[in-house]
C-alpha atoms as a PDB file:
ATOM      1  CA  MET A   1    -189.946 141.712  17.936  1.00  0.00           C
ATOM      2  CA  LYS A   2    -186.781 139.674  17.508  1.00  0.00           C
ATOM      3  CA  LEU A   3    -183.970 139.631  14.960  1.00  0.00           C
ATOM      4  CA  ASN A   4    -182.137 136.353  14.578  1.00  0.00           C
ATOM      5  CA  SER A   5    -178.576 136.705  13.350  1.00  0.00           C
ATOM      6  CA  VAL A   6    -175.487 134.575  12.836  1.00  0.00           C
ATOM      7  CA  ILE A   7    -172.095 136.287  12.752  1.00  0.00           C
ATOM      8  CA  ILE A   8    -169.226 134.147  11.451  1.00  0.00           C
ATOM      9  CA  ALA A   9    -165.678 135.504  11.726  1.00  0.00           C
ATOM     10  CA  ASP A  10    -162.241 133.949  11.441  1.00  0.00           C
ATOM     11  CA  ASP A  11    -160.575 135.338  14.570  1.00  0.00           C
ATOM     12  CA  SER A  12    -157.442 133.264  13.966  1.00  0.00           C
ATOM     13  CA  GLU A  13    -156.130 136.082  11.758  1.00  0.00           C
ATOM     14  CA  THR A  14    -153.212 137.841  13.451  1.00  0.00           C
ATOM     15  CA  ASN A  15    -154.242 141.276  12.168  1.00  0.00           C
ATOM     16  CA  GLY A  16    -157.725 140.909  13.658  1.00  0.00           C
ATOM     17  CA  PHE A  17    -159.568 142.485  10.739  1.00  0.00           C
ATOM     18  CA  PHE A  18    -162.323 139.870  10.538  1.00  0.00           C
ATOM     19  CA  SER A  19    -162.871 140.198  14.289  1.00  0.00           C
ATOM     20  CA  LEU A  20    -163.117 143.966  13.821  1.00  0.00           C
ATOM     21  CA  LEU A  21    -165.923 143.438  11.302  1.00  0.00           C
ATOM     22  CA  LYS A  22    -167.692 140.987  13.616  1.00  0.00           C
ATOM     23  CA  ASN A  23    -167.547 143.306  16.608  1.00  0.00           C
ATOM     24  CA  SER A  24    -168.672 146.275  14.519  1.00  0.00           C
ATOM     25  CA  THR A  25    -171.647 144.315  13.189  1.00  0.00           C
ATOM     26  CA  ILE A  26    -172.684 143.220  16.670  1.00  0.00           C
ATOM     27  CA  PHE A  27    -172.374 146.803  17.931  1.00  0.00           C
ATOM     28  CA  LEU A  28    -174.564 148.161  15.121  1.00  0.00           C
ATOM     29  CA  LEU A  29    -177.221 145.496  15.671  1.00  0.00           C
ATOM     30  CA  HIS A  30    -177.362 146.227  19.387  1.00  0.00           C
ATOM     31  CA  GLU A  31    -177.583 149.946  18.703  1.00  0.00           C
ATOM     32  CA  TYR A  32    -180.500 149.152  16.407  1.00  0.00           C
ATOM     33  CA  SER A  33    -182.149 147.167  19.199  1.00  0.00           C
ATOM     34  CA  LYS A  34    -182.037 150.224  21.483  1.00  0.00           C
ATOM     35  CA  THR A  35    -183.907 152.430  19.039  1.00  0.00           C
ATOM     36  CA  SER A  36    -186.331 149.824  17.705  1.00  0.00           C
ATOM     37  CA  SER A  37    -187.213 147.853  20.862  1.00  0.00           C
ATOM     38  CA  CYS A  38    -186.128 144.786  18.938  1.00  0.00           C
ATOM     39  CA  LYS A  39    -184.400 141.924  20.730  1.00  0.00           C
ATOM     40  CA  ILE A  40    -181.229 140.704  19.013  1.00  0.00           C
ATOM     41  CA  ASN A  41    -180.657 136.975  19.129  1.00  0.00           C
ATOM     42  CA  SER A  42    -177.069 136.727  17.865  1.00  0.00           C
ATOM     43  CA  ILE A  43    -175.083 133.533  17.423  1.00  0.00           C
ATOM     44  CA  GLU A  44    -171.352 134.227  17.205  1.00  0.00           C
ATOM     45  CA  CYS A  45    -169.241 131.668  15.353  1.00  0.00           C
ATOM     46  CA  THR A  46    -165.456 132.004  15.603  1.00  0.00           C
ATOM     47  CA  SER A  47    -162.518 129.714  14.966  1.00  0.00           C
ATOM     48  CA  ALA A  48    -162.620 128.613  18.600  1.00  0.00           C
ATOM     49  CA  SER A  49    -166.314 127.712  18.576  1.00  0.00           C
ATOM     50  CA  VAL A  50    -167.244 126.408  15.151  1.00  0.00           C
ATOM     51  CA  ASP A  51    -166.082 123.961  12.489  1.00  0.00           C
ATOM     52  CA  LYS A  52    -167.598 122.030   9.599  1.00  0.00           C
ATOM     53  CA  ALA A  53    -168.812 119.336  11.992  1.00  0.00           C
ATOM     54  CA  ASN A  54    -170.957 121.629  14.155  1.00  0.00           C
ATOM     55  CA  ILE A  55    -171.854 124.652  12.017  1.00  0.00           C
ATOM     56  CA  SER A  56    -175.130 123.083  10.866  1.00  0.00           C
ATOM     57  CA  GLU A  57    -176.180 122.450  14.464  1.00  0.00           C
ATOM     58  CA  LYS A  58    -175.650 126.112  15.343  1.00  0.00           C
ATOM     59  CA  ILE A  59    -177.466 127.394  12.255  1.00  0.00           C
ATOM     60  CA  ALA A  60    -180.397 125.063  12.951  1.00  0.00           C
ATOM     61  CA  LEU A  61    -181.241 127.191  15.995  1.00  0.00           C
ATOM     62  CA  VAL A  62    -182.498 129.974  13.702  1.00  0.00           C
ATOM     63  CA  ASN A  63    -182.978 128.716  10.135  1.00  0.00           C
ATOM     64  CA  ASP A  64    -186.628 127.761  10.440  1.00  0.00           C
ATOM     65  CA  ASP A  65    -187.370 131.338   9.352  1.00  0.00           C
ATOM     66  CA  LYS A  66    -185.502 134.281   7.811  1.00  0.00           C
ATOM     67  CA  PHE A  67    -182.294 135.302   9.591  1.00  0.00           C
ATOM     68  CA  LEU A  68    -179.407 137.666   8.968  1.00  0.00           C
ATOM     69  CA  CYS A  69    -176.100 135.901   8.373  1.00  0.00           C
ATOM     70  CA  CYS A  70    -172.847 137.847   8.120  1.00  0.00           C
ATOM     71  CA  TRP A  71    -169.562 136.120   7.511  1.00  0.00           C
ATOM     72  CA  TYR A  72    -166.088 137.593   7.533  1.00  0.00           C
ATOM     73  CA  ALA A  73    -163.329 135.181   6.597  1.00  0.00           C
ATOM     74  CA  HIS A  74    -161.236 133.832   3.741  1.00  0.00           C
ATOM     75  CA  GLY A  75    -162.898 131.962   0.933  1.00  0.00           C
ATOM     76  CA  ARG A  76    -162.720 129.999  -2.283  1.00  0.00           C
ATOM     77  CA  LYS A  77    -165.208 129.792  -5.118  1.00  0.00           C
ATOM     78  CA  ASP A  78    -166.741 126.706  -3.536  1.00  0.00           C
ATOM     79  CA  ALA A  79    -166.129 127.188   0.195  1.00  0.00           C
ATOM     80  CA  LEU A  80    -165.937 129.532   3.163  1.00  0.00           C
ATOM     81  CA  LEU A  81    -162.803 128.884   5.218  1.00  0.00           C
ATOM     82  CA  MET A  82    -162.153 129.099   8.945  1.00  0.00           C
ATOM     83  CA  ASP A  83    -158.534 129.052  10.097  1.00  0.00           C
ATOM     84  CA  GLY A  84    -157.577 127.520   6.736  1.00  0.00           C
ATOM     85  CA  ASP A  85    -160.129 124.686   6.899  1.00  0.00           C
ATOM     86  CA  GLU A  86    -163.424 124.369   5.040  1.00  0.00           C
ATOM     87  CA  LEU A  87    -166.398 125.589   7.063  1.00  0.00           C
ATOM     88  CA  VAL A  88    -169.218 125.943   4.511  1.00  0.00           C
ATOM     89  CA  THR A  89    -169.001 124.248   1.117  1.00  0.00           C
ATOM     90  CA  ASN A  90    -171.216 123.848  -1.922  1.00  0.00           C
ATOM     91  CA  LYS A  91    -171.186 120.050  -1.525  1.00  0.00           C
ATOM     92  CA  THR A  92    -171.692 119.381   2.204  1.00  0.00           C
ATOM     93  CA  ASN A  93    -173.533 121.786   4.530  1.00  0.00           C
ATOM     94  CA  HIS A  94    -174.853 124.467   2.164  1.00  0.00           C
ATOM     95  CA  TYR A  95    -178.422 123.376   2.932  1.00  0.00           C
ATOM     96  CA  SER A  96    -178.124 124.769   6.472  1.00  0.00           C
ATOM     97  CA  PHE A  97    -178.395 128.310   5.121  1.00  0.00           C
ATOM     98  CA  SER A  98    -181.956 128.070   3.869  1.00  0.00           C
ATOM     99  CA  ASN A  99    -183.837 131.248   4.829  1.00  0.00           C
ATOM    100  CA  ALA A 100    -180.572 133.169   5.268  1.00  0.00           C
ATOM    101  CA  ILE A 101    -180.001 136.767   4.228  1.00  0.00           C
ATOM    102  CA  ILE A 102    -176.247 136.471   3.675  1.00  0.00           C
ATOM    103  CA  TYR A 103    -173.808 139.367   3.691  1.00  0.00           C
ATOM    104  CA  THR A 104    -170.124 138.553   3.327  1.00  0.00           C
ATOM    105  CA  PHE A 105    -166.657 139.987   3.263  1.00  0.00           C
ATOM    106  CA  SER A 106    -164.739 137.028   1.882  1.00  0.00           C
ATOM    107  CA  CYS A 107    -162.881 136.252  -1.312  1.00  0.00           C
ATOM    108  CA  LEU A 108    -164.566 134.425  -4.188  1.00  0.00           C
ATOM    109  CA  ASN A 109    -167.674 133.205  -2.329  1.00  0.00           C
ATOM    110  CA  GLY A 110    -169.954 135.101  -4.694  1.00  0.00           C
ATOM    111  CA  ASP A 111    -169.268 132.484  -7.360  1.00  0.00           C
ATOM    112  CA  GLU A 112    -170.149 128.771  -7.057  1.00  0.00           C
ATOM    113  CA  LEU A 113    -170.913 128.830  -3.343  1.00  0.00           C
ATOM    114  CA  ALA A 114    -173.398 131.696  -3.676  1.00  0.00           C
ATOM    115  CA  ASP A 115    -175.173 129.945  -6.553  1.00  0.00           C
ATOM    116  CA  THR A 116    -175.512 126.751  -4.514  1.00  0.00           C
ATOM    117  CA  LEU A 117    -176.793 128.607  -1.449  1.00  0.00           C
ATOM    118  CA  ILE A 118    -179.473 130.399  -3.472  1.00  0.00           C
ATOM    119  CA  LYS A 119    -180.541 127.150  -5.145  1.00  0.00           C
ATOM    120  CA  ASN A 120    -180.990 125.699  -1.644  1.00  0.00           C
ATOM    121  CA  ASN A 121    -183.321 128.491  -0.493  1.00  0.00           C
ATOM    122  CA  ALA A 122    -180.993 131.109   0.910  1.00  0.00           C
ATOM    123  CA  LYS A 123    -183.009 134.268   0.334  1.00  0.00           C
ATOM    124  CA  VAL A 124    -180.193 136.527  -0.847  1.00  0.00           C
ATOM    125  CA  PHE A 125    -176.404 136.612  -1.057  1.00  0.00           C
ATOM    126  CA  VAL A 126    -174.285 139.766  -1.179  1.00  0.00           C
ATOM    127  CA  GLY A 127    -170.543 139.327  -1.538  1.00  0.00           C
ATOM    128  CA  TYR A 128    -167.562 139.187  -3.872  1.00  0.00           C
ATOM    129  CA  GLU A 129    -166.946 137.064  -6.957  1.00  0.00           C
ATOM    130  CA  ASP A 130    -163.250 137.897  -6.865  1.00  0.00           C
ATOM    131  CA  LYS A 131    -160.923 138.941  -4.049  1.00  0.00           C
ATOM    132  CA  ALA A 132    -162.122 141.044  -1.101  1.00  0.00           C
ATOM    133  CA  ASN A 133    -159.192 143.344  -0.403  1.00  0.00           C
ATOM    134  CA  TYR A 134    -158.413 145.096   2.870  1.00  0.00           C
ATOM    135  CA  PRO A 135    -155.329 147.253   2.234  1.00  0.00           C
ATOM    136  CA  LEU A 136    -152.640 147.239   4.906  1.00  0.00           C
ATOM    137  CA  GLY A 137    -153.023 150.142   7.313  1.00  0.00           C
ATOM    138  CA  LEU A 138    -156.565 150.976   6.194  1.00  0.00           C
ATOM    139  CA  ASP A 139    -158.549 148.710   8.508  1.00  0.00           C
ATOM    140  CA  GLU A 140    -160.784 151.519   9.766  1.00  0.00           C
ATOM    141  CA  VAL A 141    -161.427 152.846   6.268  1.00  0.00           C
ATOM    142  CA  THR A 142    -162.271 149.377   4.970  1.00  0.00           C
ATOM    143  CA  LYS A 143    -164.381 148.574   8.025  1.00  0.00           C
ATOM    144  CA  ASN A 144    -166.445 151.729   7.553  1.00  0.00           C
ATOM    145  CA  ILE A 145    -167.053 150.841   3.910  1.00  0.00           C
ATOM    146  CA  VAL A 146    -168.100 147.277   4.723  1.00  0.00           C
ATOM    147  CA  MET A 147    -170.343 148.423   7.577  1.00  0.00           C
ATOM    148  CA  SER A 148    -172.135 150.919   5.322  1.00  0.00           C
ATOM    149  CA  PHE A 149    -174.244 147.992   4.098  1.00  0.00           C
ATOM    150  CA  ILE A 150    -175.274 147.090   7.658  1.00  0.00           C
ATOM    151  CA  HIS A 151    -176.071 150.746   8.392  1.00  0.00           C
ATOM    152  CA  SER A 152    -178.367 150.848   5.370  1.00  0.00           C
ATOM    153  CA  ILE A 153    -180.123 147.604   6.273  1.00  0.00           C
ATOM    154  CA  ILE A 154    -180.932 148.729   9.810  1.00  0.00           C
ATOM    155  CA  ASP A 155    -182.092 152.067   8.408  1.00  0.00           C
ATOM    156  CA  GLY A 156    -184.832 150.121   6.633  1.00  0.00           C
ATOM    157  CA  LYS A 157    -183.467 150.118   3.112  1.00  0.00           C
ATOM    158  CA  THR A 158    -183.848 147.144   0.786  1.00  0.00           C
ATOM    159  CA  ILE A 159    -180.969 144.796   0.048  1.00  0.00           C
ATOM    160  CA  GLY A 160    -180.649 146.360  -3.403  1.00  0.00           C
ATOM    161  CA  GLU A 161    -180.554 149.898  -2.006  1.00  0.00           C
ATOM    162  CA  SER A 162    -178.052 148.840   0.643  1.00  0.00           C
ATOM    163  CA  LEU A 163    -175.806 147.366  -2.025  1.00  0.00           C
ATOM    164  CA  ASN A 164    -175.927 150.668  -3.891  1.00  0.00           C
ATOM    165  CA  ASP A 165    -174.888 152.465  -0.706  1.00  0.00           C
ATOM    166  CA  LEU A 166    -172.003 150.025  -0.333  1.00  0.00           C
ATOM    167  CA  LYS A 167    -170.907 150.715  -3.899  1.00  0.00           C
ATOM    168  CA  ASN A 168    -171.112 154.452  -3.222  1.00  0.00           C
ATOM    169  CA  ALA A 169    -168.916 154.026  -0.151  1.00  0.00           C
ATOM    170  CA  TYR A 170    -166.342 152.249  -2.288  1.00  0.00           C
ATOM    171  CA  ASP A 171    -166.620 155.019  -4.893  1.00  0.00           C
ATOM    172  CA  LYS A 172    -165.755 157.634  -2.267  1.00  0.00           C
ATOM    173  CA  ALA A 173    -162.606 155.703  -1.367  1.00  0.00           C
ATOM    174  CA  VAL A 174    -161.714 155.262  -5.043  1.00  0.00           C
ATOM    175  CA  HIS A 175    -161.823 159.047  -5.495  1.00  0.00           C
ATOM    176  CA  ASP A 176    -160.175 159.910  -2.169  1.00  0.00           C
ATOM    177  CA  SER A 177    -157.007 161.844  -3.033  1.00  0.00           C
ATOM    178  CA  ASN A 178    -155.640 161.161   0.459  1.00  0.00           C
ATOM    179  CA  LEU A 179    -155.211 157.497  -0.466  1.00  0.00           C
ATOM    180  CA  GLU A 180    -152.377 156.107  -2.549  1.00  0.00           C
ATOM    181  CA  PRO A 181    -153.259 155.131  -6.138  1.00  0.00           C
ATOM    182  CA  PHE A 182    -152.646 151.423  -5.458  1.00  0.00           C
ATOM    183  CA  GLN A 183    -154.974 151.568  -2.434  1.00  0.00           C
ATOM    184  CA  ARG A 184    -157.704 153.147  -4.507  1.00  0.00           C
ATOM    185  CA  ARG A 185    -157.267 150.425  -7.140  1.00  0.00           C
ATOM    186  CA  TRP A 186    -157.896 147.757  -4.498  1.00  0.00           C
ATOM    187  CA  PHE A 187    -161.121 149.454  -3.458  1.00  0.00           C
ATOM    188  CA  GLN A 188    -162.151 149.742  -7.116  1.00  0.00           C
ATOM    189  CA  ALA A 189    -161.490 146.014  -7.515  1.00  0.00           C
ATOM    190  CA  ASN A 190    -163.710 145.303  -4.513  1.00  0.00           C
ATOM    191  CA  ARG A 191    -166.513 147.415  -5.921  1.00  0.00           C
ATOM    192  CA  ASP A 192    -166.299 145.750  -9.322  1.00  0.00           C
ATOM    193  CA  SER A 193    -166.371 142.303  -7.696  1.00  0.00           C
ATOM    194  CA  LEU A 194    -169.596 142.843  -5.740  1.00  0.00           C
ATOM    195  CA  VAL A 195    -172.555 140.608  -6.565  1.00  0.00           C
ATOM    196  CA  LEU A 196    -176.119 140.299  -5.363  1.00  0.00           C
ATOM    197  CA  LYS A 197    -177.913 137.009  -5.928  1.00  0.00           C
ATOM    198  CA  GLY A 198    -181.469 136.376  -4.820  1.00  0.00           C
ATOM    199  CA  ASP A 199    -184.229 138.743  -3.657  1.00  0.00           C
ATOM    200  CA  ASN A 200    -183.036 142.351  -3.659  1.00  0.00           C
ATOM    201  CA  THR A 201    -186.302 143.698  -2.185  1.00  0.00           C
ATOM    202  CA  ILE A 202    -185.886 142.250   1.317  1.00  0.00           C
ATOM    203  CA  THR A 203    -185.769 144.765   4.203  1.00  0.00           C
ATOM    204  CA  ILE A 204    -185.062 144.302   7.888  1.00  0.00           C
ATOM    205  CA  SER A 205    -188.800 144.245   8.596  1.00  0.00           C
ATOM    206  CA  ASP A 206    -188.970 141.016   6.579  1.00  0.00           C
ATOM    207  CA  ILE A 207    -186.439 139.415   8.932  1.00  0.00           C
ATOM    208  CA  LEU A 208    -188.044 140.464  12.219  1.00  0.00           C
ATOM    209  CA  ARG A 209    -190.086 137.855  14.006  1.00  0.00           C
END
């Protein structure tokens, strides 16, 4: 069996948080491969290796069938950004993500861009309609919350169940008395901004080839 995946992360960020999410995702997928005898075919896309001119070429290596696509970067309602420049937009290269199971930690992409991706045969989109906050000094806490979705997926849960687990992880942070009130408000805002568009019944077994 093989799992095709594309991991997009803006590693131009000085704080390295998006790279932390990328590396954590890759680690979890490879841990899954050890226990499942599944080969991981992972395409890493960073600011040094990808731009709007070549992203479609890279995605074309796997988009003839279902694939997992995680992206961690800044965003607008209509575009994913890489190092401040447009990488994926709802008017140019959205079609490349047909067959994608998309999981994101990026601001605003759950709005117009998500709608366009689903209309062009992306299977599902999970992300944020508003801002995706990562409070200063809480990188590990935020990373663990974001990765809870990946944990649930590789445990065999559906996209819908995995989203519920993600919301529960945010809820724990919201009610964590060890965090400052303003930090908990940011996590509450993240939870409230989460959206799922597309097929919520997909499991990892549907992605394996």
